[in-house]
């Protein structure tokens, strides 16, 4: 078993680094989910186009 002694500051720093990485990943995932099927057109734009097409028919 690996026995390392870490200070509280080192542990808190490591936790902060992990949390920052998670936030960045969450933002990246959110940005990717705004696009449909790797399309370059955002979902909300596609919905607006679909609604306009329905209204024209």
Protein backbone atom coordinates (compact mmCIF):
# COMPACT_ATOMS: atom_id res chain seq x y z
CA UNK A 1 0.00 0.00 0.00
CA UNK A 2 1.27 3.44 -0.94
CA UNK A 3 1.49 5.68 2.11
CA UNK A 4 1.92 9.34 1.21
CA UNK A 5 1.43 12.19 3.60
CA UNK A 6 -0.36 15.15 2.05
CA UNK A 7 -1.12 18.47 3.66
CA UNK A 8 -4.67 19.75 3.86
CA UNK A 9 -3.73 22.49 1.39
CA UNK A 10 -2.48 19.92 -1.12
CA UNK A 11 -5.68 17.90 -0.79
CA UNK A 12 -7.90 20.99 -1.14
CA UNK A 13 -5.88 22.17 -4.13
CA UNK A 14 -6.32 18.78 -5.82
CA UNK A 15 -10.08 18.86 -5.14
CA UNK A 16 -10.32 22.36 -6.63
CA UNK A 17 -8.44 21.24 -9.74
CA UNK A 18 -10.83 18.31 -10.19
CA UNK A 19 -13.88 20.55 -9.71
CA UNK A 20 -12.60 23.08 -12.25
CA UNK A 21 -11.99 20.31 -14.76
CA UNK A 22 -15.51 18.96 -14.20
CA UNK A 23 -17.06 22.39 -14.73
CA UNK A 24 -15.13 22.82 -17.99
CA UNK A 25 -16.25 19.36 -19.15
CA UNK A 26 -19.88 20.15 -18.24
CA UNK A 27 -19.73 23.35 -20.28
CA UNK A 28 -18.22 21.48 -23.21
CA UNK A 29 -20.94 18.82 -23.05
CA UNK A 30 -23.64 21.52 -22.87
CA UNK A 31 -22.23 23.27 -25.93
CA UNK A 32 -22.13 19.99 -27.85
CA UNK A 33 -25.70 19.14 -26.87
CA UNK A 34 -26.91 22.41 -28.39
CA UNK A 35 -26.28 20.91 -31.81
CA UNK A 36 -28.29 18.08 -33.32
CA UNK A 37 -26.55 15.03 -34.79
CA UNK A 38 -23.23 16.87 -35.26
CA UNK A 39 -25.09 19.45 -37.31
CA UNK A 40 -23.73 22.96 -37.42
CA UNK A 41 -27.28 24.28 -36.92
CA UNK A 42 -28.29 24.78 -33.27
CA UNK A 43 -31.38 22.88 -32.06
CA UNK A 44 -33.36 26.03 -31.35
CA UNK A 45 -32.77 27.27 -34.92
CA UNK A 46 -33.96 23.96 -36.32
CA UNK A 47 -37.12 24.23 -34.21
CA UNK A 48 -37.79 27.73 -35.54
CA UNK A 49 -37.35 26.52 -39.12
CA UNK A 50 -39.72 23.60 -38.53
CA UNK A 51 -42.36 25.89 -37.00
CA UNK A 52 -42.08 28.33 -39.92
CA UNK A 53 -42.50 25.49 -42.40
CA UNK A 54 -45.62 24.26 -40.55
CA UNK A 55 -47.11 27.77 -40.58
CA UNK A 56 -46.51 28.14 -44.34
CA UNK A 57 -48.43 24.94 -45.09
